[in-house]
Amino acid sequence: MGQTDIRLRIVGAMRVIRQVIRKGGSTNRWLAALVARTPRMVAAVALASKMARMIRAITTKQKNYRMA
């Protein structure tokens, strides 16, 4: 079973990775390179971890998300 919030993040990351593979690349160079060099599940966990860090930063700083 596991923790629901972590599982949902990984499922969402797998969806993003499926889209990257289907399109043959991504506008996000970090994600495209990650998918190219690592297995899908490893890339999904890395992407889910990155999303969790962004969510935590946004909620603790009480600021709007601004793409770099």
N, C-alpha and C. Protein backbone atom coordinates (compact mmCIF):
# COMPACT_ATOMS: atom_id res chain seq x y z
N MET A 1 0.82 -1.18 0.00
CA MET A 1 0.00 0.00 0.00
C MET A 1 0.87 1.26 0.00
N GLY A 2 1.62 1.48 1.03
CA GLY A 2 2.50 2.64 1.08
C GLY A 2 1.76 3.93 1.39
N GLN A 3 2.51 5.01 1.37
CA GLN A 3 1.93 6.32 1.65
C GLN A 3 1.27 6.87 0.39
N THR A 4 0.06 7.33 0.55
CA THR A 4 -0.74 7.78 -0.58
C THR A 4 -0.12 8.97 -1.29
N ASP A 5 0.36 9.94 -0.54
CA ASP A 5 0.89 11.15 -1.17
C ASP A 5 2.13 10.87 -2.01
N ILE A 6 3.00 10.01 -1.52
CA ILE A 6 4.20 9.67 -2.28
C ILE A 6 3.82 8.87 -3.52
N ARG A 7 2.91 7.92 -3.36
CA ARG A 7 2.49 7.10 -4.48
C ARG A 7 1.85 7.96 -5.57
N LEU A 8 1.04 8.92 -5.18
CA LEU A 8 0.39 9.79 -6.17
C LEU A 8 1.40 10.65 -6.92
N ARG A 9 2.43 11.12 -6.23
CA ARG A 9 3.46 11.90 -6.90
C ARG A 9 4.20 11.05 -7.93
N ILE A 10 4.49 9.81 -7.57
CA ILE A 10 5.21 8.93 -8.49
C ILE A 10 4.32 8.58 -9.68
N VAL A 11 3.04 8.34 -9.45
CA VAL A 11 2.12 8.05 -10.55
C VAL A 11 2.04 9.26 -11.49
N GLY A 12 1.97 10.45 -10.94
CA GLY A 12 1.95 11.67 -11.76
C GLY A 12 3.23 11.84 -12.55
N ALA A 13 4.35 11.53 -11.92
CA ALA A 13 5.64 11.63 -12.61
C ALA A 13 5.74 10.61 -13.74
N MET A 14 5.20 9.42 -13.52
CA MET A 14 5.20 8.40 -14.58
C MET A 14 4.38 8.87 -15.77
N ARG A 15 3.29 9.57 -15.51
CA ARG A 15 2.46 10.11 -16.59
C ARG A 15 3.24 11.13 -17.42
N VAL A 16 3.98 11.99 -16.74
CA VAL A 16 4.79 13.00 -17.44
C VAL A 16 5.87 12.30 -18.27
N ILE A 17 6.49 11.27 -17.70
CA ILE A 17 7.56 10.56 -18.40
C ILE A 17 7.00 9.81 -19.61
N ARG A 18 5.80 9.24 -19.48
CA ARG A 18 5.19 8.58 -20.64
C ARG A 18 4.98 9.57 -21.78
N GLN A 19 4.57 10.78 -21.45
CA GLN A 19 4.38 11.82 -22.47
C GLN A 19 5.72 12.20 -23.12
N VAL A 20 6.77 12.28 -22.32
CA VAL A 20 8.10 12.61 -22.86
C VAL A 20 8.55 11.53 -23.82
N ILE A 21 8.36 10.27 -23.45
CA ILE A 21 8.77 9.17 -24.31
C ILE A 21 7.92 9.14 -25.57
N ARG A 22 6.62 9.36 -25.44
CA ARG A 22 5.73 9.33 -26.59
C ARG A 22 6.06 10.44 -27.59
N LYS A 23 6.38 11.64 -27.09
CA LYS A 23 6.70 12.76 -27.97
C LYS A 23 8.12 12.68 -28.52
N GLY A 24 8.97 11.90 -27.86
CA GLY A 24 10.35 11.78 -28.31
C GLY A 24 11.27 12.83 -27.73
N GLY A 25 10.85 13.51 -26.71
CA GLY A 25 11.68 14.53 -26.07
C GLY A 25 10.83 15.46 -25.24
N SER A 26 11.49 16.41 -24.62
CA SER A 26 10.80 17.36 -23.75
C SER A 26 11.45 18.72 -23.89
N THR A 27 10.68 19.76 -23.61
CA THR A 27 11.25 21.11 -23.61
C THR A 27 12.13 21.29 -22.37
N ASN A 28 11.90 20.48 -21.36
CA ASN A 28 12.72 20.51 -20.16
C ASN A 28 13.96 19.65 -20.41
N ARG A 29 15.11 20.27 -20.56
CA ARG A 29 16.33 19.53 -20.89
C ARG A 29 16.72 18.57 -19.77
N TRP A 30 16.52 18.98 -18.51
CA TRP A 30 16.86 18.11 -17.39
C TRP A 30 16.07 16.81 -17.44
N LEU A 31 14.78 16.91 -17.67
CA LEU A 31 13.92 15.73 -17.71
C LEU A 31 14.23 14.86 -18.92
N ALA A 32 14.46 15.45 -20.08
CA ALA A 32 14.77 14.68 -21.29
C ALA A 32 16.08 13.91 -21.11
N ALA A 33 17.08 14.54 -20.53
CA ALA A 33 18.36 13.87 -20.29
C ALA A 33 18.21 12.77 -19.25
N LEU A 34 17.42 13.02 -18.23
CA LEU A 34 17.21 12.02 -17.18
C LEU A 34 16.52 10.78 -17.73
N VAL A 35 15.50 10.97 -18.55
CA VAL A 35 14.78 9.85 -19.15
C VAL A 35 15.68 9.08 -20.11
N ALA A 36 16.56 9.78 -20.79
CA ALA A 36 17.44 9.12 -21.76
C ALA A 36 18.49 8.24 -21.08
N ARG A 37 18.94 8.61 -19.89
CA ARG A 37 20.05 7.88 -19.29
C ARG A 37 19.68 6.95 -18.14
N THR A 38 18.46 7.02 -17.63
CA THR A 38 18.08 6.17 -16.50
C THR A 38 16.81 5.38 -16.81
N PRO A 39 16.56 4.30 -16.06
CA PRO A 39 15.30 3.58 -16.23
C PRO A 39 14.10 4.47 -15.89
N ARG A 40 12.95 4.13 -16.44
CA ARG A 40 11.76 4.97 -16.26
C ARG A 40 11.38 5.18 -14.80
N MET A 41 11.41 4.12 -14.01
CA MET A 41 10.98 4.26 -12.61
C MET A 41 11.95 5.12 -11.81
N VAL A 42 13.22 5.00 -12.09
CA VAL A 42 14.21 5.84 -11.40
C VAL A 42 13.98 7.31 -11.76
N ALA A 43 13.72 7.56 -13.04
CA ALA A 43 13.43 8.93 -13.48
C ALA A 43 12.15 9.44 -12.83
N ALA A 44 11.14 8.56 -12.69
CA ALA A 44 9.87 8.98 -12.07
C ALA A 44 10.07 9.35 -10.61
N VAL A 45 10.86 8.59 -9.89
CA VAL A 45 11.11 8.89 -8.48
C VAL A 45 11.90 10.19 -8.35
N ALA A 46 12.87 10.41 -9.25
CA ALA A 46 13.63 11.66 -9.22
C ALA A 46 12.73 12.85 -9.52
N LEU A 47 11.85 12.71 -10.50
CA LEU A 47 10.93 13.80 -10.84
C LEU A 47 9.94 14.05 -9.70
N ALA A 48 9.44 12.98 -9.08
CA ALA A 48 8.52 13.13 -7.95
C ALA A 48 9.21 13.83 -6.78
N SER A 49 10.47 13.49 -6.56
CA SER A 49 11.23 14.14 -5.49
C SER A 49 11.41 15.63 -5.78
N LYS A 50 11.70 15.95 -7.04
CA LYS A 50 11.87 17.36 -7.42
C LYS A 50 10.56 18.12 -7.25
N MET A 51 9.44 17.49 -7.65
CA MET A 51 8.15 18.13 -7.46
C MET A 51 7.85 18.35 -5.98
N ALA A 52 8.19 17.38 -5.14
CA ALA A 52 7.95 17.52 -3.70
C ALA A 52 8.76 18.67 -3.11
N ARG A 53 10.01 18.80 -3.56
CA ARG A 53 10.83 19.91 -3.06
C ARG A 53 10.26 21.26 -3.49
N MET A 54 9.75 21.34 -4.74
CA MET A 54 9.15 22.59 -5.20
C MET A 54 7.88 22.91 -4.41
N ILE A 55 7.06 21.90 -4.18
CA ILE A 55 5.82 22.11 -3.41
C ILE A 55 6.14 22.58 -2.00
N ARG A 56 7.13 21.95 -1.38
CA ARG A 56 7.51 22.34 -0.02
C ARG A 56 8.03 23.78 0.02
N ALA A 57 8.85 24.14 -0.96
CA ALA A 57 9.39 25.50 -1.01
C ALA A 57 8.29 26.53 -1.19
N ILE A 58 7.33 26.23 -2.04
CA ILE A 58 6.24 27.16 -2.29
C ILE A 58 5.38 27.33 -1.05
N THR A 59 5.07 26.22 -0.38
CA THR A 59 4.17 26.30 0.77
C THR A 59 4.85 26.92 1.99
N THR A 60 6.15 26.69 2.18
CA THR A 60 6.80 27.27 3.35
C THR A 60 7.11 28.75 3.18
N LYS A 61 7.38 29.18 1.95
CA LYS A 61 7.70 30.59 1.72
C LYS A 61 6.47 31.44 1.48
N GLN A 62 5.31 30.80 1.29
CA GLN A 62 4.05 31.51 1.06
C GLN A 62 4.15 32.47 -0.13
N LYS A 63 4.81 32.01 -1.20
CA LYS A 63 4.94 32.82 -2.40
C LYS A 63 4.41 32.06 -3.59
N ASN A 64 4.11 32.76 -4.65
CA ASN A 64 3.65 32.14 -5.88
C ASN A 64 4.84 31.50 -6.61
N TYR A 65 4.55 30.46 -7.37
CA TYR A 65 5.59 29.77 -8.13
C TYR A 65 5.99 30.64 -9.31
N ARG A 66 7.28 30.78 -9.50
CA ARG A 66 7.82 31.56 -10.61
C ARG A 66 8.87 30.73 -11.31
N MET A 67 8.64 30.40 -12.58
CA MET A 67 9.60 29.58 -13.31
C MET A 67 10.90 30.34 -13.49
N ALA A 68 12.00 29.62 -13.34
CA ALA A 68 13.32 30.24 -13.48
C ALA A 68 13.76 30.34 -14.90
